[in-house]
Amino acid sequence: MPTSQRTQVGIVGAGPAGLVLAQLLHQRGVESVVIEARDREYVQQRVRAGVLEQGTVDLLNDMGVGDRLRKEGIVHDSLELRYDGESHDIALSDLTGGRAITIYGQQEVVKDLIDARQETGAPLLFEVDDVQLHDTQIGFRHDGVDHTLECDFVAGCDGFHGITRETIPGAARTELEHVYPFAWLGILAEVAPSTDKLIYCNHERGFALHSLRSPKLSRLYLQVDPDDEIEQWSDERIWEELHTRFALKDGGWQLDEGPIVDKAITPMRSFVTEPMQHDRLFLAGDAAHIVPPTGAKGLNLAVHDVRILAEAICDHYESGSDAALEAYTDTCLRRVWRVQHFSWWMTSMLHRAPDADTFDERLQRAQLDYVTRSEAGARTLAENYVGLEQV
């Protein structure tokens, strides 16, 4: 028999954005129901971003979900830019008053948030299908039963391919997109990281990134053609290319190899939809915007969205004011476009465009020299990378 339930906030999507929003609302006494199309195992295992800004770490700790993060997260107070076979240190913490980034996989963040949600006993439903949104009414099927949620507000946290954004009439939204002429081939390798730093590498053959997920797992990336198929890239070819791009002139650094347990090619693009709200539907995270991964901003930007949204919703219930809800789009988009610019800037500085000529290469080299030789240039990178406190 169909069931109907009333809740203050219906949250579509159990990724970091939806789960952080649910926890923030719960802490302020606001009810919510979270629904997710995928099963719990899939949501907890999908490998995504792993770089957390200082503000994201602080918020997770303030929410009471930072126990494992504090024990297992790897704090980085600097990163390395590598080009022309030379390495250059960017002292993140020294340039930002002690702020840093922490390596802690998105899937680990999601596990912590799911555990926290279940401890509250509040509804978190996986494997829902036939989701339909009509104004603030959410219809869906779960365990073979049709359900209807009657909501005061709906939060669309269901990603770029979700249904919430598409329910906003086309005439009421503007979608802006930039597609980059390259992609990332990412691998997860069972080998201890070759260095305790992130390395962003500009090479004549293309960009490369050395990152990590744990003391025993390395995460590495290569710039490739967006039309490449993963079958074209054998493990041997991947390691050979990584060695070539990371090599130093003096031969003073060695990339360690290990079994590759996961590899995939991801296209790169920027996307923003404006506005991020329609009536009482509010979009957050990838449902509203996508950034190229070079700046490590996707998860962090999603968390910022729902931090703003949670405060606005709580203002509605606690003070009766809708001023913050009405300003949600404008408030979020200030940071969205700052982050889009930073991600574009990092991408442009570090990747080799297929149609780049000598003039383009000289401009790119000049930018790299400025960032690595000027304190002002290094501070611009550092402040944006660890996360601007105010935008």
Protein backbone atom coordinates (compact mmCIF):
# COMPACT_ATOMS: atom_id res chain seq x y z
CA MET A 1 0.00 0.00 0.00
CA PRO A 2 1.39 3.47 -0.86
CA THR A 3 2.60 5.49 2.11
CA SER A 4 2.80 9.22 2.70
CA GLN A 5 5.13 11.00 5.12
CA ARG A 6 5.73 14.62 6.03
CA THR A 7 9.20 16.01 6.69
CA GLN A 8 10.73 19.44 6.89
CA VAL A 9 13.50 18.77 4.36
CA GLY A 10 13.66 16.09 1.69
CA ILE A 11 17.24 15.40 0.60
CA VAL A 12 17.78 13.65 -2.72
CA GLY A 13 21.23 12.06 -2.80
CA ALA A 14 23.43 10.47 -0.12
CA GLY A 15 26.79 11.79 -1.23
CA PRO A 16 28.84 14.12 0.97
CA ALA A 17 26.60 17.12 0.26
CA GLY A 18 23.36 15.39 1.22
CA LEU A 19 24.80 13.69 4.28
CA VAL A 20 26.54 16.81 5.62
CA LEU A 21 23.31 18.76 5.16
CA ALA A 22 21.32 16.10 7.00
CA GLN A 23 23.75 16.09 9.92
CA LEU A 24 23.85 19.89 10.19
CA LEU A 25 20.05 20.06 10.18
CA HIS A 26 19.77 17.29 12.75
CA GLN A 27 22.07 19.17 15.10
CA ARG A 28 19.71 22.14 14.96
CA GLY A 29 16.55 20.06 15.42
CA VAL A 30 15.35 20.15 11.80
CA GLU A 31 13.91 16.88 10.45
CA SER A 32 15.00 15.45 7.11
CA VAL A 33 14.68 12.31 5.02
CA VAL A 34 17.59 11.28 2.78
CA ILE A 35 16.96 9.09 -0.27
CA GLU A 36 19.61 7.55 -2.54
CA ALA A 37 19.28 5.57 -5.76
CA ARG A 38 22.43 3.47 -5.23
CA ASP A 39 23.00 0.83 -2.57
CA ARG A 40 25.04 1.58 0.52
CA GLU A 41 28.05 -0.46 -0.57
CA TYR A 42 28.32 1.42 -3.86
CA VAL A 43 28.05 4.81 -2.17
CA GLN A 44 30.72 3.91 0.38
CA GLN A 45 33.16 2.38 -2.09
CA ARG A 46 33.21 4.78 -5.05
CA VAL A 47 36.63 6.40 -5.20
CA ARG A 48 36.46 10.15 -5.54
CA ALA A 49 38.35 13.20 -4.27
CA GLY A 50 40.66 12.94 -1.31
CA VAL A 51 41.89 16.49 -0.60
CA LEU A 52 39.99 18.28 2.17
CA GLU A 53 40.33 22.02 2.70
CA GLN A 54 40.97 23.35 6.18
CA GLY A 55 37.39 24.62 6.41
CA THR A 56 35.96 21.22 5.45
CA VAL A 57 38.08 19.48 8.10
CA ASP A 58 37.04 22.02 10.73
CA LEU A 59 33.36 21.58 9.88
CA LEU A 60 33.51 17.77 10.03
CA ASN A 61 35.18 18.00 13.42
CA ASP A 62 32.60 20.51 14.65
CA MET A 63 29.83 18.15 13.46
CA GLY A 64 31.26 15.33 15.58
CA VAL A 65 32.22 13.11 12.64
CA GLY A 66 35.97 13.72 12.66
CA ASP A 67 37.28 10.94 14.91
CA ARG A 68 38.65 8.75 12.10
CA LEU A 69 39.63 11.80 10.09
CA ARG A 70 41.89 12.99 12.91
CA LYS A 71 43.45 9.53 13.31
CA GLU A 72 43.84 8.52 9.66
CA GLY A 73 43.89 11.78 7.71
CA ILE A 74 47.27 12.85 6.39
CA VAL A 75 47.90 16.57 6.89
CA HIS A 76 49.94 18.40 4.25
CA ASP A 77 51.39 21.82 4.97
CA SER A 78 53.06 22.16 1.56
CA LEU A 79 52.92 20.89 -2.01
CA GLU A 80 55.38 20.70 -4.87
CA LEU A 81 55.24 22.17 -8.34
CA ARG A 82 57.54 20.40 -10.75
CA TYR A 83 58.47 21.65 -14.23
CA ASP A 84 61.54 21.67 -16.48
CA GLY A 85 62.86 18.79 -14.42
CA GLU A 86 63.07 20.89 -11.25
CA SER A 87 60.98 20.90 -8.07
CA HIS A 88 59.62 23.94 -6.24
CA ASP A 89 58.00 23.91 -2.81
CA ILE A 90 54.83 25.89 -2.06
CA ALA A 91 54.67 26.31 1.73
CA LEU A 92 50.90 26.22 2.18
CA SER A 93 50.78 26.67 5.95
CA ASP A 94 53.52 29.29 6.14
CA LEU A 95 51.70 31.36 3.53
CA THR A 96 48.21 31.04 5.06
CA GLY A 97 48.68 31.50 8.79
CA GLY A 98 48.89 27.79 9.58
CA ARG A 99 46.09 26.46 7.38
CA ALA A 100 46.64 23.16 5.58
CA ILE A 101 44.93 20.43 3.56
CA THR A 102 44.23 16.88 4.69
CA ILE A 103 44.28 13.72 2.58
CA TYR A 104 41.25 11.61 3.48
CA GLY A 105 39.28 9.84 0.79
CA GLN A 106 35.75 10.96 -0.02
CA GLN A 107 34.54 7.41 0.49
CA GLU A 108 35.88 7.55 4.04
CA VAL A 109 34.05 10.83 4.65
CA VAL A 110 30.87 9.20 3.36
CA LYS A 111 31.31 6.18 5.65
CA ASP A 112 31.68 8.46 8.67
CA LEU A 113 28.62 10.48 7.70
CA ILE A 114 26.47 7.39 7.10
CA ASP A 115 27.44 6.00 10.50
CA ALA A 116 26.58 9.33 12.11
CA ARG A 117 23.24 9.46 10.33
CA GLN A 118 22.32 5.97 11.40
CA GLU A 119 23.22 6.75 14.99
CA THR A 120 20.56 9.47 14.92
CA GLY A 121 17.92 6.99 13.78
CA ALA A 122 16.75 9.49 11.17
CA PRO A 123 15.62 8.13 7.77
CA LEU A 124 18.35 7.25 5.24
CA LEU A 125 16.98 5.12 2.41
CA PHE A 126 19.17 3.39 -0.16
CA GLU A 127 18.15 1.73 -3.43
CA VAL A 128 15.15 3.93 -4.12
CA ASP A 129 13.90 4.16 -7.68
CA ASP A 130 11.30 5.91 -9.80
CA VAL A 131 12.04 9.19 -8.04
CA GLN A 132 9.74 12.01 -9.12
CA LEU A 133 9.71 15.57 -7.91
CA HIS A 134 6.65 17.82 -8.09
CA ASP A 135 7.19 21.14 -6.33
CA THR A 136 7.99 20.04 -2.75
CA GLN A 137 6.52 16.56 -3.10
CA ILE A 138 8.92 13.67 -3.69
CA GLY A 139 7.54 10.37 -4.95
CA PHE A 140 9.67 7.22 -5.04
CA ARG A 141 9.61 3.45 -4.72
CA HIS A 142 11.51 1.65 -1.96
CA ASP A 143 11.42 -2.08 -1.16
CA GLY A 144 8.59 -2.47 -3.66
CA VAL A 145 6.38 0.13 -1.98
CA ASP A 146 5.43 3.53 -3.38
CA HIS A 147 6.15 6.43 -1.03
CA THR A 148 5.38 10.13 -1.04
CA LEU A 149 7.30 12.73 0.94
CA GLU A 150 5.57 16.03 1.62
CA CYS A 151 8.37 18.52 2.31
CA ASP A 152 8.77 22.13 3.30
CA PHE A 153 12.02 22.24 1.29
CA VAL A 154 13.83 19.94 -1.13
CA ALA A 155 17.63 19.75 -1.42
CA GLY A 156 18.94 18.43 -4.72
CA CYS A 157 22.22 16.73 -3.82
CA ASP A 158 21.95 14.01 -6.47
CA GLY A 159 24.85 14.96 -8.72
CA PHE A 160 25.12 16.11 -12.31
CA HIS A 161 23.07 13.19 -13.67
CA GLY A 162 20.37 13.41 -10.99
CA ILE A 163 16.76 14.36 -11.52
CA THR A 164 16.45 17.47 -9.38
CA ARG A 165 18.12 20.03 -11.63
CA GLU A 166 16.09 18.84 -14.62
CA THR A 167 12.85 19.59 -12.79
CA ILE A 168 13.64 23.31 -12.92
CA PRO A 169 11.99 24.69 -16.08
CA GLY A 170 14.50 25.33 -18.84
CA ALA A 171 13.39 28.94 -19.12
CA ALA A 172 14.19 29.45 -15.45
CA ARG A 173 17.81 28.28 -15.54
CA THR A 174 20.99 29.05 -17.43
CA GLU A 175 23.65 26.38 -17.86
CA LEU A 176 27.24 27.43 -18.54
CA GLU A 177 29.89 24.91 -19.54
CA HIS A 178 33.51 24.74 -20.62
CA VAL A 179 34.96 21.46 -21.92
CA TYR A 180 38.72 21.03 -21.72
CA PRO A 181 40.64 19.41 -24.61
CA PHE A 182 42.18 16.74 -22.40
CA ALA A 183 41.28 14.15 -19.76
CA TRP A 184 42.83 12.55 -16.70
CA LEU A 185 43.87 8.93 -16.52
CA GLY A 186 43.82 8.10 -12.83
CA ILE A 187 45.22 5.03 -11.13
CA LEU A 188 45.15 3.63 -7.61
CA ALA A 189 48.27 1.59 -6.90
CA GLU A 190 49.13 -0.65 -3.97
CA VAL A 191 52.44 1.00 -3.19
CA ALA A 192 53.61 3.40 -0.53
CA PRO A 193 53.70 6.99 -1.82
CA SER A 194 57.08 7.91 -3.28
CA THR A 195 57.04 11.18 -1.36
CA ASP A 196 55.08 12.69 1.49
CA LYS A 197 54.03 15.61 -0.72
CA LEU A 198 51.54 16.18 -3.48
CA ILE A 199 53.40 16.81 -6.74
CA TYR A 200 51.79 18.84 -9.52
CA CYS A 201 53.90 18.37 -12.62
CA ASN A 202 54.00 20.33 -15.88
CA HIS A 203 55.78 18.40 -18.63
CA GLU A 204 56.05 18.79 -22.38
CA ARG A 205 54.20 15.48 -22.72
CA GLY A 206 51.40 16.65 -20.43
CA PHE A 207 50.40 17.07 -16.81
CA ALA A 208 50.99 14.50 -14.07
CA LEU A 209 49.96 14.39 -10.41
CA HIS A 210 51.34 12.34 -7.53
CA SER A 211 48.90 12.00 -4.66
CA LEU A 212 47.99 9.34 -2.12
CA ARG A 213 45.09 7.79 -0.26
CA SER A 214 46.93 6.16 2.64
CA PRO A 215 50.49 5.23 3.69
CA LYS A 216 50.07 2.12 1.50
CA LEU A 217 48.03 3.44 -1.44
CA SER A 218 49.22 5.89 -4.09
CA ARG A 219 46.90 7.88 -6.36
CA LEU A 220 48.47 9.08 -9.61
CA TYR A 221 47.16 10.88 -12.68
CA LEU A 222 48.23 11.53 -16.26
CA GLN A 223 46.92 14.03 -18.77
CA VAL A 224 45.67 12.06 -21.78
CA ASP A 225 43.60 12.65 -24.89
CA PRO A 226 39.85 12.73 -24.09
CA ASP A 227 39.24 10.21 -26.88
CA ASP A 228 41.65 7.66 -25.41
CA GLU A 229 40.24 4.35 -24.27
CA ILE A 230 41.50 2.83 -21.04
CA GLU A 231 42.38 -0.35 -22.97
CA GLN A 232 45.04 1.65 -24.80
CA TRP A 233 46.88 2.17 -21.54
CA SER A 234 48.55 -0.97 -20.23
CA ASP A 235 50.01 -0.87 -16.74
CA GLU A 236 53.50 -0.88 -18.25
CA ARG A 237 52.70 2.11 -20.46
CA ILE A 238 51.23 4.04 -17.54
CA TRP A 239 54.28 3.56 -15.33
CA GLU A 240 56.65 4.42 -18.17
CA GLU A 241 54.82 7.68 -18.81
CA LEU A 242 54.70 8.56 -15.13
CA HIS A 243 58.46 8.00 -14.81
CA THR A 244 59.07 10.25 -17.81
CA ARG A 245 56.95 13.13 -16.61
CA PHE A 246 58.10 13.11 -12.99
CA ALA A 247 61.83 12.74 -13.75
CA LEU A 248 64.17 15.38 -12.29
CA LYS A 249 67.21 16.66 -14.15
CA ASP A 250 69.56 15.51 -11.41
CA GLY A 251 67.94 12.08 -11.19
CA GLY A 252 67.44 12.63 -7.49
CA TRP A 253 63.91 11.25 -7.20
CA GLN A 254 62.50 7.79 -7.80
CA LEU A 255 58.86 6.86 -8.46
CA ASP A 256 58.06 3.52 -6.83
CA GLU A 257 55.77 1.11 -8.67
CA GLY A 258 53.14 -1.30 -7.37
CA PRO A 259 50.11 -3.29 -8.56
CA ILE A 260 47.47 -1.05 -10.15
CA VAL A 261 44.12 -1.94 -8.56
CA ASP A 262 41.97 0.65 -10.32
CA LYS A 263 42.32 2.84 -13.40
CA ALA A 264 39.94 5.02 -15.36
CA ILE A 265 39.84 7.99 -17.73
CA THR A 266 37.81 11.03 -16.68
CA PRO A 267 36.98 13.93 -19.02
CA MET A 268 37.53 17.44 -17.68
CA ARG A 269 35.01 20.22 -17.75
CA SER A 270 33.53 23.13 -15.85
CA PHE A 271 29.78 23.51 -15.40
CA VAL A 272 27.55 25.93 -13.52
CA THR A 273 23.78 26.24 -13.47
CA GLU A 274 22.22 29.54 -12.44
CA PRO A 275 20.26 30.05 -10.29
CA MET A 276 20.88 27.28 -7.77
CA GLN A 277 17.30 27.42 -6.50
CA HIS A 278 13.75 27.43 -7.78
CA ASP A 279 10.84 28.04 -5.43
CA ARG A 280 11.67 25.72 -2.51
CA LEU A 281 14.11 23.46 -4.38
CA PHE A 282 17.78 24.15 -3.66
CA LEU A 283 20.65 22.57 -5.60
CA ALA A 284 24.01 21.75 -4.02
CA GLY A 285 27.26 20.13 -5.10
CA ASP A 286 27.54 18.49 -8.51
CA ALA A 287 23.83 19.00 -9.15
CA ALA A 288 24.66 22.70 -9.49
CA HIS A 289 28.30 22.84 -10.59
CA ILE A 290 31.32 20.81 -11.64
CA VAL A 291 34.95 21.89 -11.54
CA PRO A 292 37.99 20.25 -13.13
CA PRO A 293 39.86 18.21 -10.51
CA THR A 294 43.14 20.13 -10.76
CA GLY A 295 42.25 22.42 -7.86
CA ALA A 296 40.81 19.60 -5.68
CA LYS A 297 37.64 21.58 -5.05
CA GLY A 298 34.60 19.44 -5.92
CA LEU A 299 33.84 17.93 -2.52
CA ASN A 300 34.89 21.08 -0.67
CA LEU A 301 32.62 23.28 -2.76
CA ALA A 302 29.69 20.92 -2.18
CA VAL A 303 30.25 21.07 1.57
CA HIS A 304 30.32 24.86 1.43
CA ASP A 305 26.98 24.89 -0.43
CA VAL A 306 25.19 22.83 2.18
CA ARG A 307 26.76 24.74 5.03
CA ILE A 308 25.12 27.86 3.62
CA LEU A 309 21.87 26.01 2.93
CA ALA A 310 21.66 24.47 6.40
CA GLU A 311 22.10 27.86 8.04
CA ALA A 312 19.44 29.40 5.79
CA ILE A 313 16.91 26.64 6.48
CA CYS A 314 17.52 26.83 10.21
CA ASP A 315 17.04 30.62 10.08
CA HIS A 316 13.64 29.99 8.51
CA TYR A 317 12.51 27.76 11.38
CA GLU A 318 14.25 29.59 14.23
CA SER A 319 13.62 33.22 13.33
CA GLY A 320 11.00 33.10 10.61
CA SER A 321 13.35 34.93 8.24
CA ASP A 322 13.74 33.76 4.63
CA ALA A 323 16.39 36.35 3.77
CA ALA A 324 19.21 33.79 3.74
CA LEU A 325 17.14 31.34 1.67
CA GLU A 326 16.39 34.03 -0.87
CA ALA A 327 20.07 34.93 -1.02
CA TYR A 328 21.25 31.29 -1.29
CA THR A 329 22.17 31.43 -4.98
CA ASP A 330 24.04 34.72 -4.75
CA THR A 331 25.87 33.64 -1.60
CA CYS A 332 26.97 30.32 -3.10
CA LEU A 333 27.83 31.61 -6.55
CA ARG A 334 30.42 34.03 -5.19
CA ARG A 335 32.47 31.07 -4.03
CA VAL A 336 31.48 28.86 -6.98
CA TRP A 337 32.95 31.31 -9.49
CA ARG A 338 36.05 31.97 -7.36
CA VAL A 339 36.64 28.21 -7.27
CA GLN A 340 35.89 27.86 -10.98
CA HIS A 341 38.50 30.50 -11.72
CA PHE A 342 41.10 28.90 -9.46
CA SER A 343 40.49 25.47 -10.99
CA TRP A 344 40.71 26.91 -14.51
CA TRP A 345 43.89 28.79 -13.56
CA MET A 346 45.58 25.67 -12.14
CA THR A 347 44.47 23.62 -15.13
CA SER A 348 45.72 26.19 -17.64
CA MET A 349 49.05 26.57 -15.85
CA LEU A 350 49.82 22.86 -15.60
CA HIS A 351 48.36 21.16 -18.70
CA ARG A 352 49.58 21.24 -22.28
CA ALA A 353 46.78 22.12 -24.68
CA PRO A 354 46.95 20.12 -27.94
CA ASP A 355 46.91 23.31 -30.02
CA ALA A 356 49.42 25.22 -27.86
CA ASP A 357 52.13 27.08 -29.78
CA THR A 358 55.44 28.48 -28.59
CA PHE A 359 53.78 31.72 -27.47
CA ASP A 360 51.35 29.76 -25.25
CA GLU A 361 54.20 27.74 -23.78
CA ARG A 362 56.16 30.90 -22.93
CA LEU A 363 53.12 32.37 -21.16
CA GLN A 364 52.67 29.16 -19.18
CA ARG A 365 56.33 29.16 -18.17
CA ALA A 366 56.08 32.79 -17.08
CA GLN A 367 53.12 31.95 -14.84
CA LEU A 368 54.94 28.99 -13.27
CA ASP A 369 58.02 31.14 -12.65
CA TYR A 370 55.91 33.82 -10.98
CA VAL A 371 54.17 31.36 -8.67
CA THR A 372 57.40 29.65 -7.64
CA ARG A 373 59.62 32.74 -7.36
CA SER A 374 57.24 35.35 -5.96
CA GLU A 375 55.80 35.17 -2.46
CA ALA A 376 52.69 36.95 -3.68
CA GLY A 377 52.24 34.41 -6.48
CA ALA A 378 52.79 31.46 -4.13
CA ARG A 379 50.37 32.94 -1.59
CA THR A 380 47.63 33.22 -4.22
CA LEU A 381 47.95 29.50 -4.93
CA ALA A 382 48.23 28.56 -1.25
CA GLU A 383 45.25 30.61 -0.05
CA ASN A 384 42.97 29.21 -2.71
CA TYR A 385 44.26 25.65 -2.34
CA VAL A 386 43.72 25.38 1.43
CA GLY A 387 40.38 27.17 1.03
CA LEU A 388 39.62 30.85 1.36
CA GLU A 389 38.01 31.64 4.69
CA GLN A 390 35.78 34.31 3.16
CA VAL A 391 34.68 34.96 -0.43
